[in-house]
Amino acid sequence: MNITVCVKRVPDTGTRIRIAAGGGDIERDGVKYVLGPYDEFAVEAALQLVEGAGAGEVTLLSFGPEATKESLRSGLALGAHRAVLLKGEPTMDGWVTARVLASELAGGDAALVLFGVKAVDDDQQQVGPMVAELLGRPCATSVTAMEVADGVVTCRRAVEGGQEVVEMDLPAVATLTKGRYEPRYASLRGIMMAKRKPLAEKEAPALEPGLVVEELEYPPTRPEGRIVGEGAGAVPELLRLLREEAQVI
């Protein structure tokens, strides 16, 4: 079984983000980029499924600038077999990203296309379902575990108060979140082998985004806390402040 995992190069979650001059983008200099944390769950799921089947390949697919190759090599070091980079500059327009990815996936043989449930930079959670719609495939989102047998993929989704089980005929699309698939560490051998694994580069289709970021701004500074009293005697004043100032009750 062949599986394609769509991944994204994102700023490390520990990086301090600064807004660039003009306010429409972040300052890119000095920012460390990594493979998306949720994408790592999808990569691990794909590797486990192929290893369990005893046959097949895991292909990584990404849409991004030339520097994305570094993140793809990280995924190859984990055990993926090959990678494809669609070179271009992604925007906040997830519809454009979905169409770019679908243009490559439409001619492939992947029985499963996996995504991380979201990218940590834009948090849109929409590209995976959009790609599924473009390809005409069923889609399950926020999947924590999955099994494949007899042409059917069974996905488990964590929902409030329990677990939801979704069955889909292959070929299908799924987005992965934290659950069964704890990302493995790349071994030294894997890192060395990643340098020799195939990484194809193609120019992404030029599509005009319909969504444009005009301005970014920092979150407002949180006000300092206030002590209104001690013990049960402070409760009336606390309730008054919550009702009249905070307006939450």
Protein backbone atom coordinates (compact mmCIF):
# COMPACT_ATOMS: atom_id res chain seq x y z
CA MET A 1 0.00 0.00 0.00
CA ASN A 2 1.37 3.37 -1.02
CA ILE A 3 0.68 6.37 1.22
CA THR A 4 1.36 10.04 0.57
CA VAL A 5 1.75 12.38 3.54
CA CYS A 6 1.32 16.09 2.87
CA VAL A 7 3.60 18.07 5.16
CA LYS A 8 4.37 21.72 5.79
CA ARG A 9 7.47 23.65 6.83
CA VAL A 10 6.49 25.79 9.83
CA PRO A 11 8.26 27.97 12.40
CA ASP A 12 9.41 26.06 15.47
CA THR A 13 6.83 26.54 18.23
CA GLY A 14 9.64 27.72 20.53
CA THR A 15 10.68 30.50 18.17
CA ARG A 16 9.99 34.10 19.17
CA ILE A 17 7.89 35.57 16.37
CA ARG A 18 8.30 39.21 15.36
CA ILE A 19 6.15 41.17 12.93
CA ALA A 20 8.07 42.48 9.93
CA ALA A 21 8.09 46.09 8.77
CA GLY A 22 4.84 46.81 6.94
CA GLY A 23 2.86 44.56 9.26
CA GLY A 24 1.77 42.04 6.64
CA ASP A 25 4.19 39.23 7.47
CA ILE A 26 6.53 37.94 10.14
CA GLU A 27 10.25 38.64 10.29
CA ARG A 28 11.79 35.57 8.64
CA ASP A 29 15.46 36.15 9.53
CA GLY A 30 16.58 34.01 12.44
CA VAL A 31 13.41 31.90 12.52
CA LYS A 32 13.99 28.17 12.93
CA TYR A 33 11.74 26.03 10.72
CA VAL A 34 10.70 22.42 11.33
CA LEU A 35 8.36 19.77 10.00
CA GLY A 36 4.87 20.53 11.34
CA PRO A 37 4.32 18.76 14.70
CA TYR A 38 0.92 17.40 13.63
CA ASP A 39 2.41 16.31 10.31
CA GLU A 40 4.81 14.14 12.31
CA PHE A 41 1.81 12.18 13.64
CA ALA A 42 0.71 11.60 10.04
CA VAL A 43 4.20 10.47 9.00
CA GLU A 44 4.36 8.03 11.92
CA ALA A 45 0.91 6.65 11.07
CA ALA A 46 1.96 6.11 7.44
CA LEU A 47 5.19 4.37 8.44
CA GLN A 48 3.39 2.04 10.84
CA LEU A 49 0.73 1.14 8.27
CA VAL A 50 3.31 0.34 5.58
CA GLU A 51 5.49 -1.57 8.01
CA GLY A 52 2.48 -3.56 9.18
CA ALA A 53 1.49 -4.37 5.60
CA GLY A 54 5.04 -5.45 4.79
CA ALA A 55 4.96 -3.64 1.46
CA GLY A 56 4.42 -0.19 0.01
CA GLU A 57 6.01 3.24 0.11
CA VAL A 58 5.57 6.45 2.06
CA THR A 59 5.94 9.60 -0.02
CA LEU A 60 6.19 13.08 1.48
CA LEU A 61 4.62 15.94 -0.48
CA SER A 62 5.06 19.62 0.33
CA PHE A 63 4.30 23.00 -1.21
CA GLY A 64 6.85 25.63 -0.24
CA PRO A 65 10.10 27.45 -0.98
CA GLU A 66 13.46 25.85 -1.74
CA ALA A 67 14.33 25.74 1.97
CA THR A 68 11.50 23.24 2.50
CA LYS A 69 13.90 20.51 1.35
CA GLU A 70 15.52 20.58 4.79
CA SER A 71 12.22 19.68 6.46
CA LEU A 72 11.54 17.00 3.86
CA ARG A 73 14.95 15.46 4.56
CA SER A 74 13.94 15.32 8.23
CA GLY A 75 10.89 13.29 7.24
CA LEU A 76 12.97 11.02 5.04
CA ALA A 77 15.31 10.43 7.98
CA LEU A 78 12.33 9.08 9.95
CA GLY A 79 11.80 6.39 7.33
CA ALA A 80 9.77 7.86 4.45
CA HIS A 81 10.92 6.50 1.09
CA ARG A 82 10.86 9.58 -1.13
CA ALA A 83 9.70 13.18 -1.24
CA VAL A 84 8.29 15.70 -3.70
CA LEU A 85 8.60 19.46 -3.33
CA LEU A 86 6.23 21.72 -5.24
CA LYS A 87 8.22 24.93 -5.27
CA GLY A 88 6.31 28.12 -4.59
CA GLU A 89 5.33 30.58 -1.88
CA PRO A 90 2.28 29.46 0.12
CA THR A 91 -0.06 32.10 1.48
CA MET A 92 -2.82 32.05 4.07
CA ASP A 93 -5.20 30.96 1.31
CA GLY A 94 -5.75 27.28 2.08
CA TRP A 95 -7.84 26.86 -1.08
CA VAL A 96 -4.79 27.66 -3.21
CA THR A 97 -2.64 25.22 -1.21
CA ALA A 98 -5.28 22.50 -1.60
CA ARG A 99 -5.46 22.97 -5.37
CA VAL A 100 -1.66 22.89 -5.71
CA LEU A 101 -1.42 19.64 -3.72
CA ALA A 102 -4.38 18.06 -5.50
CA SER A 103 -2.80 18.80 -8.89
CA GLU A 104 0.08 16.49 -7.93
CA LEU A 105 -1.96 13.89 -6.03
CA ALA A 106 -4.48 13.40 -8.84
CA GLY A 107 -1.93 11.51 -10.92
CA GLY A 108 -0.55 9.42 -8.06
CA ASP A 109 -1.29 5.90 -6.84
CA ALA A 110 -1.58 6.56 -3.10
CA ALA A 111 -4.42 4.60 -1.51
CA LEU A 112 -4.22 6.92 1.48
CA VAL A 113 -3.39 10.61 1.62
CA LEU A 114 -2.61 11.80 5.15
CA PHE A 115 -2.29 15.26 6.67
CA GLY A 116 -1.61 16.65 10.10
CA VAL A 117 -4.91 17.94 11.48
CA LYS A 118 -3.56 21.48 11.26
CA ALA A 119 -0.47 23.60 10.69
CA VAL A 120 0.76 25.38 13.81
CA ASP A 121 1.36 28.64 11.95
CA ASP A 122 -2.11 29.30 10.47
CA ASP A 123 -4.25 26.76 12.45
CA GLN A 124 -6.82 26.55 9.65
CA GLN A 125 -7.57 22.79 9.65
CA GLN A 126 -9.02 23.00 6.15
CA VAL A 127 -6.49 21.91 3.53
CA GLY A 128 -6.95 18.16 4.09
CA PRO A 129 -10.75 18.17 3.63
CA MET A 130 -10.40 20.52 0.64
CA VAL A 131 -7.96 18.14 -1.05
CA ALA A 132 -10.33 15.23 -0.38
CA GLU A 133 -13.17 17.13 -2.05
CA LEU A 134 -11.01 17.99 -5.06
CA LEU A 135 -9.96 14.34 -5.44
CA GLY A 136 -13.48 13.03 -4.87
CA ARG A 137 -12.39 10.91 -1.90
CA PRO A 138 -13.98 10.34 1.54
CA CYS A 139 -12.26 12.13 4.42
CA ALA A 140 -11.99 11.67 8.19
CA THR A 141 -10.54 14.44 10.36
CA SER A 142 -8.85 14.53 13.78
CA VAL A 143 -8.00 10.83 13.60
CA THR A 144 -6.13 9.34 16.57
CA ALA A 145 -5.72 5.77 15.27
CA MET A 146 -6.43 3.83 12.09
CA GLU A 147 -6.37 0.32 10.61
CA VAL A 148 -6.53 -0.83 7.00
CA ALA A 149 -7.99 -4.16 5.88
CA ASP A 150 -9.80 -5.45 2.78
CA GLY A 151 -9.83 -2.10 1.02
CA VAL A 152 -11.34 -0.27 4.00
CA VAL A 153 -9.66 2.14 6.41
CA THR A 154 -11.14 2.30 9.90
CA CYS A 155 -10.44 5.60 11.66
CA ARG A 156 -10.92 6.37 15.33
CA ARG A 157 -11.70 9.93 16.39
CA ALA A 158 -11.71 11.24 19.94
CA VAL A 159 -14.99 13.03 20.66
CA GLU A 160 -16.47 14.41 23.84
CA GLY A 161 -17.44 11.56 26.10
CA GLY A 162 -16.12 8.75 23.93
CA GLN A 163 -14.71 7.66 20.61
CA GLU A 164 -16.16 7.81 17.11
CA VAL A 165 -15.35 5.08 14.57
CA VAL A 166 -15.45 5.99 10.86
CA GLU A 167 -15.03 3.45 8.04
CA MET A 168 -14.07 4.61 4.54
CA ASP A 169 -13.44 2.76 1.31
CA LEU A 170 -10.00 3.30 -0.18
CA PRO A 171 -8.72 5.52 -1.70
CA ALA A 172 -9.33 8.01 1.10
CA VAL A 173 -7.96 11.05 2.94
CA ALA A 174 -7.44 11.52 6.70
CA THR A 175 -6.03 14.19 8.98
CA LEU A 176 -4.12 13.01 12.06
CA THR A 177 -3.91 14.40 15.57
CA LYS A 178 -2.24 13.25 18.79
CA GLY A 179 -3.17 9.73 19.80
CA ARG A 180 -1.65 6.35 19.01
CA TYR A 181 1.16 7.66 16.81
CA GLU A 182 4.05 9.00 18.87
CA PRO A 183 6.66 10.27 16.36
CA ARG A 184 9.84 8.24 16.33
CA TYR A 185 13.32 9.74 16.55
CA ALA A 186 15.55 9.71 13.50
CA SER A 187 18.50 7.35 13.88
CA LEU A 188 21.99 8.22 12.71
CA ARG A 189 21.61 5.62 9.97
CA GLY A 190 18.28 7.16 8.95
CA ILE A 191 19.81 10.64 8.77
CA MET A 192 22.63 9.39 6.55
CA MET A 193 20.27 7.42 4.29
CA ALA A 194 17.97 10.46 3.93
CA LYS A 195 20.68 12.24 1.97
CA ARG A 196 20.49 9.58 -0.74
CA LYS A 197 16.72 9.15 -0.94
CA PRO A 198 14.98 10.69 -3.97
CA LEU A 199 13.63 14.21 -3.52
CA ALA A 200 11.97 15.52 -6.67
CA GLU A 201 11.46 19.25 -7.23
CA LYS A 202 8.70 20.67 -9.42
CA GLU A 203 7.36 24.14 -10.00
CA ALA A 204 3.98 24.55 -8.32
CA PRO A 205 1.06 25.81 -10.43
CA ALA A 206 0.81 29.60 -10.29
CA LEU A 207 -2.55 30.37 -8.66
CA GLU A 208 -3.76 33.76 -7.51
CA PRO A 209 -4.77 33.75 -3.83
CA GLY A 210 -8.21 35.01 -2.94
CA LEU A 211 -7.23 35.60 0.68
CA VAL A 212 -4.63 38.24 1.51
CA VAL A 213 -3.26 39.17 4.94
CA GLU A 214 -3.33 42.95 5.23
CA GLU A 215 -1.97 43.36 8.75
CA LEU A 216 -0.67 41.35 11.69
CA GLU A 217 -0.69 42.60 15.27
CA TYR A 218 0.53 41.28 18.60
CA PRO A 219 -2.00 39.99 21.16
CA PRO A 220 -3.10 42.70 23.61
CA THR A 221 -1.16 42.89 26.86
CA ARG A 222 -3.01 41.13 29.63
CA PRO A 223 -3.85 43.41 32.59
CA GLU A 224 -2.34 42.59 35.96
CA GLY A 225 -4.40 40.62 38.43
CA ARG A 226 -6.19 42.35 41.30
CA ILE A 227 -6.83 41.10 44.84
CA VAL A 228 -10.28 42.19 46.01
CA GLY A 229 -10.10 40.77 49.51
CA GLU A 230 -9.69 37.59 51.50
CA GLY A 231 -12.05 34.82 52.57
CA ALA A 232 -15.80 34.69 52.26
CA GLY A 233 -16.10 38.45 52.81
CA ALA A 234 -14.52 39.10 49.39
CA VAL A 235 -17.15 37.11 47.49
CA PRO A 236 -19.76 39.93 47.10
CA GLU A 237 -17.14 42.32 45.71
CA LEU A 238 -15.76 39.64 43.40
CA LEU A 239 -19.23 38.91 42.07
CA ARG A 240 -19.86 42.63 41.52
CA LEU A 241 -16.66 43.02 39.53
CA LEU A 242 -17.36 39.93 37.43
CA ARG A 243 -20.84 41.24 36.70
CA GLU A 244 -20.21 44.98 36.17
CA GLU A 245 -16.60 45.21 34.94
CA ALA A 246 -15.76 41.87 33.36
CA GLN A 247 -19.39 41.28 32.33
CA VAL A 248 -18.97 37.50 32.39
CA ILE A 249 -21.96 36.73 34.63
